[in-house]
Amino acid sequence: AGDSLRLSCAATGRTFSSYAMGWFRQAPGKEREFVTAISRS
C-alpha cells in the first residue's frame, strides 16, 4: 500500500491512433469496473 506501478498496454494490428482506449479491472467476486479511458487523440 502506498507504492506505485505503471501498467502498459501494447497494441498491434490496425492503426493505433484510430482507437479510443480504456482500462478496466475486476477483483475476485466482483464485476468488472471502469477505471479510466483516453480518446484517440
PDB file of all heavy atoms in Angstrom:
ATOM      1  N   ALA A   1       0.839  -1.193   0.000  1.00  0.00           N
ATOM      2  CA  ALA A   1       0.000   0.000   0.000  1.00  0.00           C
ATOM      3  C   ALA A   1       0.879   1.251   0.000  1.00  0.00           C
ATOM      4  O   ALA A   1       1.870   1.314   0.729  1.00  0.00           O
ATOM      5  CB  ALA A   1      -0.915  -0.005   1.220  1.00  0.00           C
ATOM      6  N   GLY A   2       0.502   2.204  -0.826  1.00  0.00           N
ATOM      7  CA  GLY A   2       1.268   3.432  -0.957  1.00  0.00           C
ATOM      8  C   GLY A   2       2.284   3.426  -2.092  1.00  0.00           C
ATOM      9  O   GLY A   2       2.786   4.484  -2.478  1.00  0.00           O
ATOM     10  N   ASP A   3       2.574   2.246  -2.614  1.00  0.00           N
ATOM     11  CA  ASP A   3       3.527   2.126  -3.716  1.00  0.00           C
ATOM     12  C   ASP A   3       2.895   2.550  -5.039  1.00  0.00           C
ATOM     13  O   ASP A   3       1.686   2.835  -5.121  1.00  0.00           O
ATOM     14  CB  ASP A   3       4.029   0.693  -3.838  1.00  0.00           C
ATOM     15  CG  ASP A   3       5.023   0.335  -2.743  1.00  0.00           C
ATOM     16  OD1 ASP A   3       5.452   1.248  -1.988  1.00  0.00           O
ATOM     17  OD2 ASP A   3       5.360  -0.856  -2.621  1.00  0.00           O
ATOM     18  N   SER A   4       3.724   2.550  -6.069  1.00  0.00           N
ATOM     19  CA  SER A   4       3.286   2.894  -7.422  1.00  0.00           C
ATOM     20  C   SER A   4       3.590   1.755  -8.382  1.00  0.00           C
ATOM     21  O   SER A   4       4.520   0.955  -8.159  1.00  0.00           O
ATOM     22  CB  SER A   4       3.998   4.159  -7.913  1.00  0.00           C
ATOM     23  OG  SER A   4       3.680   5.264  -7.098  1.00  0.00           O
ATOM     24  N   LEU A   5       2.806   1.687  -9.445  1.00  0.00           N
ATOM     25  CA  LEU A   5       3.034   0.765 -10.545  1.00  0.00           C
ATOM     26  C   LEU A   5       2.653   1.464 -11.833  1.00  0.00           C
ATOM     27  O   LEU A   5       1.757   2.321 -11.831  1.00  0.00           O
ATOM     28  CB  LEU A   5       2.162  -0.489 -10.412  1.00  0.00           C
ATOM     29  CG  LEU A   5       2.665  -1.713  -9.656  1.00  0.00           C
ATOM     30  CD1 LEU A   5       1.581  -2.794  -9.691  1.00  0.00           C
ATOM     31  CD2 LEU A   5       3.959  -2.235 -10.213  1.00  0.00           C
ATOM     32  N   ARG A   6       3.297   1.078 -12.921  1.00  0.00           N
ATOM     33  CA  ARG A   6       2.882   1.551 -14.221  1.00  0.00           C
ATOM     34  C   ARG A   6       2.548   0.356 -15.102  1.00  0.00           C
ATOM     35  O   ARG A   6       3.399  -0.493 -15.364  1.00  0.00           O
ATOM     36  CB  ARG A   6       3.952   2.406 -14.905  1.00  0.00           C
ATOM     37  CG  ARG A   6       3.418   3.066 -16.174  1.00  0.00           C
ATOM     38  CD  ARG A   6       4.425   3.969 -16.835  1.00  0.00           C
ATOM     39  NE  ARG A   6       5.440   3.238 -17.586  1.00  0.00           N
ATOM     40  CZ  ARG A   6       6.195   3.781 -18.540  1.00  0.00           C
ATOM     41  NH1 ARG A   6       6.047   5.068 -18.840  1.00  0.00           N
ATOM     42  NH2 ARG A   6       7.101   3.058 -19.161  1.00  0.00           N
ATOM     43  N   LEU A   7       1.315   0.312 -15.536  1.00  0.00           N
ATOM     44  CA  LEU A   7       0.881  -0.717 -16.466  1.00  0.00           C
ATOM     45  C   LEU A   7       1.032  -0.218 -17.889  1.00  0.00           C
ATOM     46  O   LEU A   7       0.860   0.978 -18.161  1.00  0.00           O
ATOM     47  CB  LEU A   7      -0.572  -1.111 -16.215  1.00  0.00           C
ATOM     48  CG  LEU A   7      -0.935  -1.561 -14.809  1.00  0.00           C
ATOM     49  CD1 LEU A   7      -2.406  -1.984 -14.761  1.00  0.00           C
ATOM     50  CD2 LEU A   7      -0.039  -2.660 -14.316  1.00  0.00           C
ATOM     51  N   SER A   8       1.340  -1.144 -18.774  1.00  0.00           N
ATOM     52  CA  SER A   8       1.440  -0.822 -20.191  1.00  0.00           C
ATOM     53  C   SER A   8       0.467  -1.678 -20.985  1.00  0.00           C
ATOM     54  O   SER A   8       0.188  -2.823 -20.621  1.00  0.00           O
ATOM     55  CB  SER A   8       2.858  -1.077 -20.708  1.00  0.00           C
ATOM     56  OG  SER A   8       3.792  -0.265 -20.036  1.00  0.00           O
ATOM     57  N   CYS A   9      -0.017  -1.121 -22.062  1.00  0.00           N
ATOM     58  CA  CYS A   9      -0.908  -1.836 -22.974  1.00  0.00           C
ATOM     59  C   CYS A   9      -0.354  -1.609 -24.374  1.00  0.00           C
ATOM     60  O   CYS A   9      -0.491  -0.513 -24.928  1.00  0.00           O
ATOM     61  CB  CYS A   9      -2.324  -1.328 -22.856  1.00  0.00           C
ATOM     62  SG  CYS A   9      -3.454  -1.981 -24.107  1.00  0.00           S
ATOM     63  N   ALA A  10       0.269  -2.630 -24.924  1.00  0.00           N
ATOM     64  CA  ALA A  10       0.856  -2.539 -26.253  1.00  0.00           C
ATOM     65  C   ALA A  10      -0.143  -3.025 -27.292  1.00  0.00           C
ATOM     66  O   ALA A  10      -0.755  -4.086 -27.127  1.00  0.00           O
ATOM     67  CB  ALA A  10       2.128  -3.371 -26.318  1.00  0.00           C
ATOM     68  N   ALA A  11      -0.292  -2.245 -28.344  1.00  0.00           N
ATOM     69  CA  ALA A  11      -1.267  -2.563 -29.389  1.00  0.00           C
ATOM     70  C   ALA A  11      -0.586  -2.914 -30.698  1.00  0.00           C
ATOM     71  O   ALA A  11       0.390  -2.282 -31.084  1.00  0.00           O
ATOM     72  CB  ALA A  11      -2.207  -1.387 -29.600  1.00  0.00           C
ATOM     73  N   THR A  12      -1.095  -3.913 -31.363  1.00  0.00           N
ATOM     74  CA  THR A  12      -0.610  -4.284 -32.685  1.00  0.00           C
ATOM     75  C   THR A  12      -1.818  -4.468 -33.594  1.00  0.00           C
ATOM     76  O   THR A  12      -2.940  -4.665 -33.141  1.00  0.00           O
ATOM     77  CB  THR A  12       0.192  -5.596 -32.660  1.00  0.00           C
ATOM     78  OG1 THR A  12      -0.646  -6.645 -32.164  1.00  0.00           O
ATOM     79  CG2 THR A  12       1.396  -5.484 -31.765  1.00  0.00           C
ATOM     80  N   GLY A  13      -1.575  -4.385 -34.874  1.00  0.00           N
ATOM     81  CA  GLY A  13      -2.667  -4.548 -35.819  1.00  0.00           C
ATOM     82  C   GLY A  13      -2.952  -3.240 -36.518  1.00  0.00           C
ATOM     83  O   GLY A  13      -2.047  -2.583 -37.008  1.00  0.00           O
ATOM     84  N   ARG A  14      -4.187  -2.835 -36.501  1.00  0.00           N
ATOM     85  CA  ARG A  14      -4.570  -1.620 -37.203  1.00  0.00           C
ATOM     86  C   ARG A  14      -3.990  -0.384 -36.524  1.00  0.00           C
ATOM     87  O   ARG A  14      -3.456  -0.448 -35.431  1.00  0.00           O
ATOM     88  CB  ARG A  14      -6.090  -1.539 -37.280  1.00  0.00           C
ATOM     89  CG  ARG A  14      -6.707  -2.640 -38.124  1.00  0.00           C
ATOM     90  CD  ARG A  14      -8.195  -2.451 -38.277  1.00  0.00           C
ATOM     91  NE  ARG A  14      -8.528  -1.182 -38.914  1.00  0.00           N
ATOM     92  CZ  ARG A  14      -9.763  -0.774 -39.103  1.00  0.00           C
ATOM     93  NH1 ARG A  14     -10.786  -1.506 -38.683  1.00  0.00           N
ATOM     94  NH2 ARG A  14     -10.000   0.386 -39.675  1.00  0.00           N
ATOM     95  N   THR A  15      -4.111   0.728 -37.168  1.00  0.00           N
ATOM     96  CA  THR A  15      -3.503   1.972 -36.713  1.00  0.00           C
ATOM     97  C   THR A  15      -3.936   2.300 -35.295  1.00  0.00           C
ATOM     98  O   THR A  15      -5.111   2.526 -35.022  1.00  0.00           O
ATOM     99  CB  THR A  15      -3.881   3.115 -37.646  1.00  0.00           C
ATOM    100  OG1 THR A  15      -3.525   2.764 -38.978  1.00  0.00           O
ATOM    101  CG2 THR A  15      -3.149   4.381 -37.244  1.00  0.00           C
ATOM    102  N   PHE A  16      -2.970   2.340 -34.424  1.00  0.00           N
ATOM    103  CA  PHE A  16      -3.233   2.565 -33.004  1.00  0.00           C
ATOM    104  C   PHE A  16      -3.951   3.880 -32.771  1.00  0.00           C
ATOM    105  O   PHE A  16      -4.849   3.974 -31.924  1.00  0.00           O
ATOM    106  CB  PHE A  16      -1.901   2.534 -32.257  1.00  0.00           C
ATOM    107  CG  PHE A  16      -2.005   2.880 -30.806  1.00  0.00           C
ATOM    108  CD1 PHE A  16      -2.654   2.040 -29.927  1.00  0.00           C
ATOM    109  CD2 PHE A  16      -1.438   4.045 -30.309  1.00  0.00           C
ATOM    110  CE1 PHE A  16      -2.746   2.339 -28.581  1.00  0.00           C
ATOM    111  CE2 PHE A  16      -1.517   4.353 -28.972  1.00  0.00           C
ATOM    112  CZ  PHE A  16      -2.173   3.502 -28.103  1.00  0.00           C
ATOM    113  N   SER A  17      -3.580   4.895 -33.521  1.00  0.00           N
ATOM    114  CA  SER A  17      -4.159   6.224 -33.302  1.00  0.00           C
ATOM    115  C   SER A  17      -5.638   6.288 -33.674  1.00  0.00           C
ATOM    116  O   SER A  17      -6.294   7.292 -33.400  1.00  0.00           O
ATOM    117  CB  SER A  17      -3.383   7.274 -34.098  1.00  0.00           C
ATOM    118  OG  SER A  17      -3.414   6.970 -35.478  1.00  0.00           O
ATOM    119  N   SER A  18      -6.162   5.232 -34.274  1.00  0.00           N
ATOM    120  CA  SER A  18      -7.582   5.198 -34.623  1.00  0.00           C
ATOM    121  C   SER A  18      -8.453   4.816 -33.437  1.00  0.00           C
ATOM    122  O   SER A  18      -9.674   4.923 -33.510  1.00  0.00           O
ATOM    123  CB  SER A  18      -7.837   4.195 -35.754  1.00  0.00           C
ATOM    124  OG  SER A  18      -7.113   4.536 -36.916  1.00  0.00           O
ATOM    125  N   TYR A  19      -7.846   4.378 -32.366  1.00  0.00           N
ATOM    126  CA  TYR A  19      -8.577   3.755 -31.271  1.00  0.00           C
ATOM    127  C   TYR A  19      -8.660   4.623 -30.026  1.00  0.00           C
ATOM    128  O   TYR A  19      -7.667   5.194 -29.584  1.00  0.00           O
ATOM    129  CB  TYR A  19      -7.932   2.423 -30.899  1.00  0.00           C
ATOM    130  CG  TYR A  19      -8.172   1.345 -31.918  1.00  0.00           C
ATOM    131  CD1 TYR A  19      -7.367   1.260 -33.051  1.00  0.00           C
ATOM    132  CD2 TYR A  19      -9.213   0.440 -31.770  1.00  0.00           C
ATOM    133  CE1 TYR A  19      -7.601   0.290 -34.009  1.00  0.00           C
ATOM    134  CE2 TYR A  19      -9.448  -0.531 -32.718  1.00  0.00           C
ATOM    135  CZ  TYR A  19      -8.642  -0.595 -33.833  1.00  0.00           C
ATOM    136  OH  TYR A  19      -8.878  -1.556 -34.775  1.00  0.00           O
ATOM    137  N   ALA A  20      -9.858   4.674 -29.471  1.00  0.00           N
ATOM    138  CA  ALA A  20     -10.017   5.113 -28.097  1.00  0.00           C
ATOM    139  C   ALA A  20      -9.680   3.924 -27.204  1.00  0.00           C
ATOM    140  O   ALA A  20      -9.973   2.781 -27.561  1.00  0.00           O
ATOM    141  CB  ALA A  20     -11.447   5.575 -27.844  1.00  0.00           C
ATOM    142  N   MET A  21      -9.049   4.186 -26.074  1.00  0.00           N
ATOM    143  CA  MET A  21      -8.566   3.110 -25.217  1.00  0.00           C
ATOM    144  C   MET A  21      -9.127   3.260 -23.813  1.00  0.00           C
ATOM    145  O   MET A  21      -9.429   4.373 -23.351  1.00  0.00           O
ATOM    146  CB  MET A  21      -7.040   3.149 -25.156  1.00  0.00           C
ATOM    147  CG  MET A  21      -6.332   3.094 -26.499  1.00  0.00           C
ATOM    148  SD  MET A  21      -6.576   1.536 -27.364  1.00  0.00           S
ATOM    149  CE  MET A  21      -5.665   0.426 -26.284  1.00  0.00           C
ATOM    150  N   GLY A  22      -9.228   2.126 -23.142  1.00  0.00           N
ATOM    151  CA  GLY A  22      -9.720   2.158 -21.772  1.00  0.00           C
ATOM    152  C   GLY A  22      -9.033   1.108 -20.915  1.00  0.00           C
ATOM    153  O   GLY A  22      -8.495   0.129 -21.430  1.00  0.00           O
ATOM    154  N   TRP A  23      -9.050   1.349 -19.618  1.00  0.00           N
ATOM    155  CA  TRP A  23      -8.595   0.368 -18.630  1.00  0.00           C
ATOM    156  C   TRP A  23      -9.778   0.012 -17.728  1.00  0.00           C
ATOM    157  O   TRP A  23     -10.513   0.908 -17.278  1.00  0.00           O
ATOM    158  CB  TRP A  23      -7.469   0.936 -17.766  1.00  0.00           C
ATOM    159  CG  TRP A  23      -6.134   1.013 -18.411  1.00  0.00           C
ATOM    160  CD1 TRP A  23      -5.579   2.105 -19.011  1.00  0.00           C
ATOM    161  CD2 TRP A  23      -5.164  -0.033 -18.521  1.00  0.00           C
ATOM    162  NE1 TRP A  23      -4.327   1.806 -19.482  1.00  0.00           N
ATOM    163  CE2 TRP A  23      -4.043   0.493 -19.197  1.00  0.00           C
ATOM    164  CE3 TRP A  23      -5.128  -1.358 -18.110  1.00  0.00           C
ATOM    165  CZ2 TRP A  23      -2.901  -0.258 -19.471  1.00  0.00           C
ATOM    166  CZ3 TRP A  23      -3.997  -2.110 -18.388  1.00  0.00           C
ATOM    167  CH2 TRP A  23      -2.894  -1.568 -19.061  1.00  0.00           C
ATOM    168  N   PHE A  24      -9.921  -1.261 -17.494  1.00  0.00           N
ATOM    169  CA  PHE A  24     -10.945  -1.779 -16.602  1.00  0.00           C
ATOM    170  C   PHE A  24     -10.268  -2.719 -15.620  1.00  0.00           C
ATOM    171  O   PHE A  24      -9.127  -3.150 -15.833  1.00  0.00           O
ATOM    172  CB  PHE A  24     -12.018  -2.526 -17.399  1.00  0.00           C
ATOM    173  CG  PHE A  24     -12.832  -1.637 -18.291  1.00  0.00           C
ATOM    174  CD1 PHE A  24     -12.320  -1.180 -19.490  1.00  0.00           C
ATOM    175  CD2 PHE A  24     -14.093  -1.225 -17.914  1.00  0.00           C
ATOM    176  CE1 PHE A  24     -13.054  -0.328 -20.305  1.00  0.00           C
ATOM    177  CE2 PHE A  24     -14.846  -0.386 -18.715  1.00  0.00           C
ATOM    178  CZ  PHE A  24     -14.320   0.067 -19.913  1.00  0.00           C
ATOM    179  N   ARG A  25     -10.965  -3.045 -14.555  1.00  0.00           N
ATOM    180  CA  ARG A  25     -10.405  -4.003 -13.608  1.00  0.00           C
ATOM    181  C   ARG A  25     -11.512  -4.881 -13.042  1.00  0.00           C
ATOM    182  O   ARG A  25     -12.673  -4.494 -13.009  1.00  0.00           O
ATOM    183  CB  ARG A  25      -9.656  -3.288 -12.482  1.00  0.00           C
ATOM    184  CG  ARG A  25     -10.533  -2.465 -11.558  1.00  0.00           C
ATOM    185  CD  ARG A  25      -9.670  -1.664 -10.585  1.00  0.00           C
ATOM    186  NE  ARG A  25     -10.467  -0.877  -9.658  1.00  0.00           N
ATOM    187  CZ  ARG A  25      -9.955  -0.008  -8.788  1.00  0.00           C
ATOM    188  NH1 ARG A  25      -8.645   0.183  -8.731  1.00  0.00           N
ATOM    189  NH2 ARG A  25     -10.752   0.654  -7.974  1.00  0.00           N
ATOM    190  N   GLN A  26     -11.097  -6.051 -12.599  1.00  0.00           N
ATOM    191  CA  GLN A  26     -12.043  -6.976 -11.988  1.00  0.00           C
ATOM    192  C   GLN A  26     -11.379  -7.651 -10.796  1.00  0.00           C
ATOM    193  O   GLN A  26     -10.362  -8.323 -10.932  1.00  0.00           O
ATOM    194  CB  GLN A  26     -12.515  -8.030 -12.988  1.00  0.00           C
ATOM    195  CG  GLN A  26     -13.623  -8.900 -12.451  1.00  0.00           C
ATOM    196  CD  GLN A  26     -14.302  -9.714 -13.526  1.00  0.00           C
ATOM    197  OE1 GLN A  26     -13.769  -9.925 -14.615  1.00  0.00           O
ATOM    198  NE2 GLN A  26     -15.523 -10.175 -13.251  1.00  0.00           N
ATOM    199  N   ALA A  27     -11.963  -7.412  -9.637  1.00  0.00           N
ATOM    200  CA  ALA A  27     -11.496  -8.032  -8.409  1.00  0.00           C
ATOM    201  C   ALA A  27     -12.237  -9.355  -8.201  1.00  0.00           C
ATOM    202  O   ALA A  27     -13.334  -9.538  -8.726  1.00  0.00           O
ATOM    203  CB  ALA A  27     -11.742  -7.090  -7.238  1.00  0.00           C
ATOM    204  N   PRO A  28     -11.654 -10.262  -7.424  1.00  0.00           N
ATOM    205  CA  PRO A  28     -12.315 -11.556  -7.186  1.00  0.00           C
ATOM    206  C   PRO A  28     -13.715 -11.375  -6.615  1.00  0.00           C
ATOM    207  O   PRO A  28     -13.913 -10.618  -5.657  1.00  0.00           O
ATOM    208  CB  PRO A  28     -11.383 -12.227  -6.176  1.00  0.00           C
ATOM    209  CG  PRO A  28     -10.053 -11.614  -6.417  1.00  0.00           C
ATOM    210  CD  PRO A  28     -10.334 -10.190  -6.790  1.00  0.00           C
ATOM    211  N   GLY A  29     -14.661 -12.050  -7.224  1.00  0.00           N
ATOM    212  CA  GLY A  29     -16.029 -11.999  -6.747  1.00  0.00           C
ATOM    213  C   GLY A  29     -16.786 -10.730  -7.088  1.00  0.00           C
ATOM    214  O   GLY A  29     -17.925 -10.554  -6.644  1.00  0.00           O
ATOM    215  N   LYS A  30     -16.163  -9.860  -7.869  1.00  0.00           N
ATOM    216  CA  LYS A  30     -16.812  -8.594  -8.227  1.00  0.00           C
ATOM    217  C   LYS A  30     -16.939  -8.468  -9.730  1.00  0.00           C
ATOM    218  O   LYS A  30     -16.254  -9.141 -10.487  1.00  0.00           O
ATOM    219  CB  LYS A  30     -16.030  -7.413  -7.654  1.00  0.00           C
ATOM    220  CG  LYS A  30     -16.003  -7.362  -6.138  1.00  0.00           C
ATOM    221  CD  LYS A  30     -15.359  -6.081  -5.649  1.00  0.00           C
ATOM    222  CE  LYS A  30     -15.393  -5.980  -4.132  1.00  0.00           C
ATOM    223  NZ  LYS A  30     -14.789  -4.705  -3.654  1.00  0.00           N
ATOM    224  N   GLU A  31     -17.819  -7.564 -10.145  1.00  0.00           N
ATOM    225  CA  GLU A  31     -17.969  -7.321 -11.564  1.00  0.00           C
ATOM    226  C   GLU A  31     -16.823  -6.443 -12.077  1.00  0.00           C
ATOM    227  O   GLU A  31     -16.211  -5.691 -11.322  1.00  0.00           O
ATOM    228  CB  GLU A  31     -19.314  -6.642 -11.830  1.00  0.00           C
ATOM    229  CG  GLU A  31     -20.512  -7.521 -11.531  1.00  0.00           C
ATOM    230  CD  GLU A  31     -21.817  -6.854 -11.928  1.00  0.00           C
ATOM    231  OE1 GLU A  31     -21.796  -5.665 -12.306  1.00  0.00           O
ATOM    232  OE2 GLU A  31     -22.862  -7.525 -11.863  1.00  0.00           O
ATOM    233  N   ARG A  32     -16.609  -6.547 -13.362  1.00  0.00           N
ATOM    234  CA  ARG A  32     -15.626  -5.676 -13.997  1.00  0.00           C
ATOM    235  C   ARG A  32     -16.073  -4.224 -13.870  1.00  0.00           C
ATOM    236  O   ARG A  32     -17.258  -3.918 -14.029  1.00  0.00           O
ATOM    237  CB  ARG A  32     -15.492  -6.057 -15.464  1.00  0.00           C
ATOM    238  CG  ARG A  32     -14.456  -5.262 -16.246  1.00  0.00           C
ATOM    239  CD  ARG A  32     -14.438  -5.712 -17.685  1.00  0.00           C
ATOM    240  NE  ARG A  32     -15.714  -5.464 -18.337  1.00  0.00           N
ATOM    241  CZ  ARG A  32     -16.084  -6.010 -19.497  1.00  0.00           C
ATOM    242  NH1 ARG A  32     -15.273  -6.849 -20.109  1.00  0.00           N
ATOM    243  NH2 ARG A  32     -17.258  -5.713 -20.030  1.00  0.00           N
ATOM    244  N   GLU A  33     -15.114  -3.351 -13.592  1.00  0.00           N
ATOM    245  CA  GLU A  33     -15.458  -1.945 -13.445  1.00  0.00           C
ATOM    246  C   GLU A  33     -14.518  -1.056 -14.253  1.00  0.00           C
ATOM    247  O   GLU A  33     -13.350  -1.392 -14.483  1.00  0.00           O
ATOM    248  CB  GLU A  33     -15.408  -1.524 -11.976  1.00  0.00           C
ATOM    249  CG  GLU A  33     -14.050  -1.586 -11.330  1.00  0.00           C
ATOM    250  CD  GLU A  33     -14.056  -1.034  -9.897  1.00  0.00           C
ATOM    251  OE1 GLU A  33     -15.105  -0.588  -9.415  1.00  0.00           O
ATOM    252  OE2 GLU A  33     -12.980  -1.055  -9.282  1.00  0.00           O
ATOM    253  N   PHE A  34     -15.057   0.066 -14.646  1.00  0.00           N
ATOM    254  CA  PHE A  34     -14.299   1.068 -15.383  1.00  0.00           C
ATOM    255  C   PHE A  34     -13.255   1.703 -14.480  1.00  0.00           C
ATOM    256  O   PHE A  34     -13.527   2.007 -13.323  1.00  0.00           O
ATOM    257  CB  PHE A  34     -15.257   2.128 -15.914  1.00  0.00           C
ATOM    258  CG  PHE A  34     -14.584   3.342 -16.479  1.00  0.00           C
ATOM    259  CD1 PHE A  34     -14.060   3.331 -17.761  1.00  0.00           C
ATOM    260  CD2 PHE A  34     -14.492   4.506 -15.734  1.00  0.00           C
ATOM    261  CE1 PHE A  34     -13.448   4.460 -18.287  1.00  0.00           C
ATOM    262  CE2 PHE A  34     -13.889   5.631 -16.238  1.00  0.00           C
ATOM    263  CZ  PHE A  34     -13.351   5.610 -17.521  1.00  0.00           C
ATOM    264  N   VAL A  35     -12.059   1.925 -15.027  1.00  0.00           N
ATOM    265  CA  VAL A  35     -11.002   2.617 -14.297  1.00  0.00           C
ATOM    266  C   VAL A  35     -10.708   3.965 -14.937  1.00  0.00           C
ATOM    267  O   VAL A  35     -10.789   5.003 -14.295  1.00  0.00           O
ATOM    268  CB  VAL A  35      -9.709   1.763 -14.248  1.00  0.00           C
ATOM    269  CG1 VAL A  35      -8.594   2.536 -13.551  1.00  0.00           C
ATOM    270  CG2 VAL A  35      -9.969   0.439 -13.552  1.00  0.00           C
ATOM    271  N   THR A  36     -10.370   3.938 -16.217  1.00  0.00           N
ATOM    272  CA  THR A  36     -10.014   5.173 -16.905  1.00  0.00           C
ATOM    273  C   THR A  36     -10.062   4.948 -18.409  1.00  0.00           C
ATOM    274  O   THR A  36     -10.024   3.807 -18.879  1.00  0.00           O
ATOM    275  CB  THR A  36      -8.617   5.644 -16.481  1.00  0.00           C
ATOM    276  OG1 THR A  36      -8.286   6.870 -17.165  1.00  0.00           O
ATOM    277  CG2 THR A  36      -7.548   4.606 -16.830  1.00  0.00           C
ATOM    278  N   ALA A  37     -10.156   6.039 -19.171  1.00  0.00           N
ATOM    279  CA  ALA A  37     -10.184   5.956 -20.622  1.00  0.00           C
ATOM    280  C   ALA A  37      -9.526   7.188 -21.215  1.00  0.00           C
ATOM    281  O   ALA A  37      -9.448   8.245 -20.562  1.00  0.00           O
ATOM    282  CB  ALA A  37     -11.613   5.824 -21.132  1.00  0.00           C
ATOM    283  N   ILE A  38      -9.090   7.034 -22.465  1.00  0.00           N
ATOM    284  CA  ILE A  38      -8.439   8.141 -23.166  1.00  0.00           C
ATOM    285  C   ILE A  38      -8.918   8.145 -24.606  1.00  0.00           C
ATOM    286  O   ILE A  38      -9.120   7.086 -25.216  1.00  0.00           O
ATOM    287  CB  ILE A  38      -6.904   8.009 -23.068  1.00  0.00           C
ATOM    288  CG1 ILE A  38      -6.211   9.258 -23.594  1.00  0.00           C
ATOM    289  CG2 ILE A  38      -6.407   6.755 -23.781  1.00  0.00           C
ATOM    290  CD1 ILE A  38      -4.717   9.317 -23.232  1.00  0.00           C
ATOM    291  N   SER A  39      -9.120   9.337 -25.147  1.00  0.00           N
ATOM    292  CA  SER A  39      -9.566   9.450 -26.523  1.00  0.00           C
ATOM    293  C   SER A  39      -8.432   9.120 -27.484  1.00  0.00           C
ATOM    294  O   SER A  39      -7.269   9.064 -27.096  1.00  0.00           O
ATOM    295  CB  SER A  39     -10.079  10.867 -26.791  1.00  0.00           C
ATOM    296  OG  SER A  39      -9.030  11.807 -26.643  1.00  0.00           O
ATOM    297  N   ARG A  40      -8.776   8.936 -28.744  1.00  0.00           N
ATOM    298  CA  ARG A  40      -7.738   8.502 -29.683  1.00  0.00           C
ATOM    299  C   ARG A  40      -6.689   9.587 -29.909  1.00  0.00           C
ATOM    300  O   ARG A  40      -5.541   9.290 -30.227  1.00  0.00           O
ATOM    301  CB  ARG A  40      -8.351   8.060 -31.001  1.00  0.00           C
ATOM    302  CG  ARG A  40      -9.006   9.133 -31.834  1.00  0.00           C
ATOM    303  CD  ARG A  40      -9.582   8.523 -33.092  1.00  0.00           C
ATOM    304  NE  ARG A  40     -10.070   9.544 -34.012  1.00  0.00           N
ATOM    305  CZ  ARG A  40     -10.678   9.250 -35.152  1.00  0.00           C
ATOM    306  NH1 ARG A  40     -10.878   7.988 -35.492  1.00  0.00           N
ATOM    307  NH2 ARG A  40     -11.095  10.216 -35.945  1.00  0.00           N
ATOM    308  N   SER A  41      -7.065  10.843 -29.720  1.00  0.00           N
ATOM    309  CA  SER A  41      -6.090  11.925 -29.845  1.00  0.00           C
ATOM    310  C   SER A  41      -5.286  12.110 -28.561  1.00  0.00           C
ATOM    311  O   SER A  41      -4.249  12.766 -28.568  1.00  0.00           O
ATOM    312  CB  SER A  41      -6.797  13.230 -30.193  1.00  0.00           C
ATOM    313  OG  SER A  41      -7.520  13.693 -29.072  1.00  0.00           O
TER     314      SER A  41
END
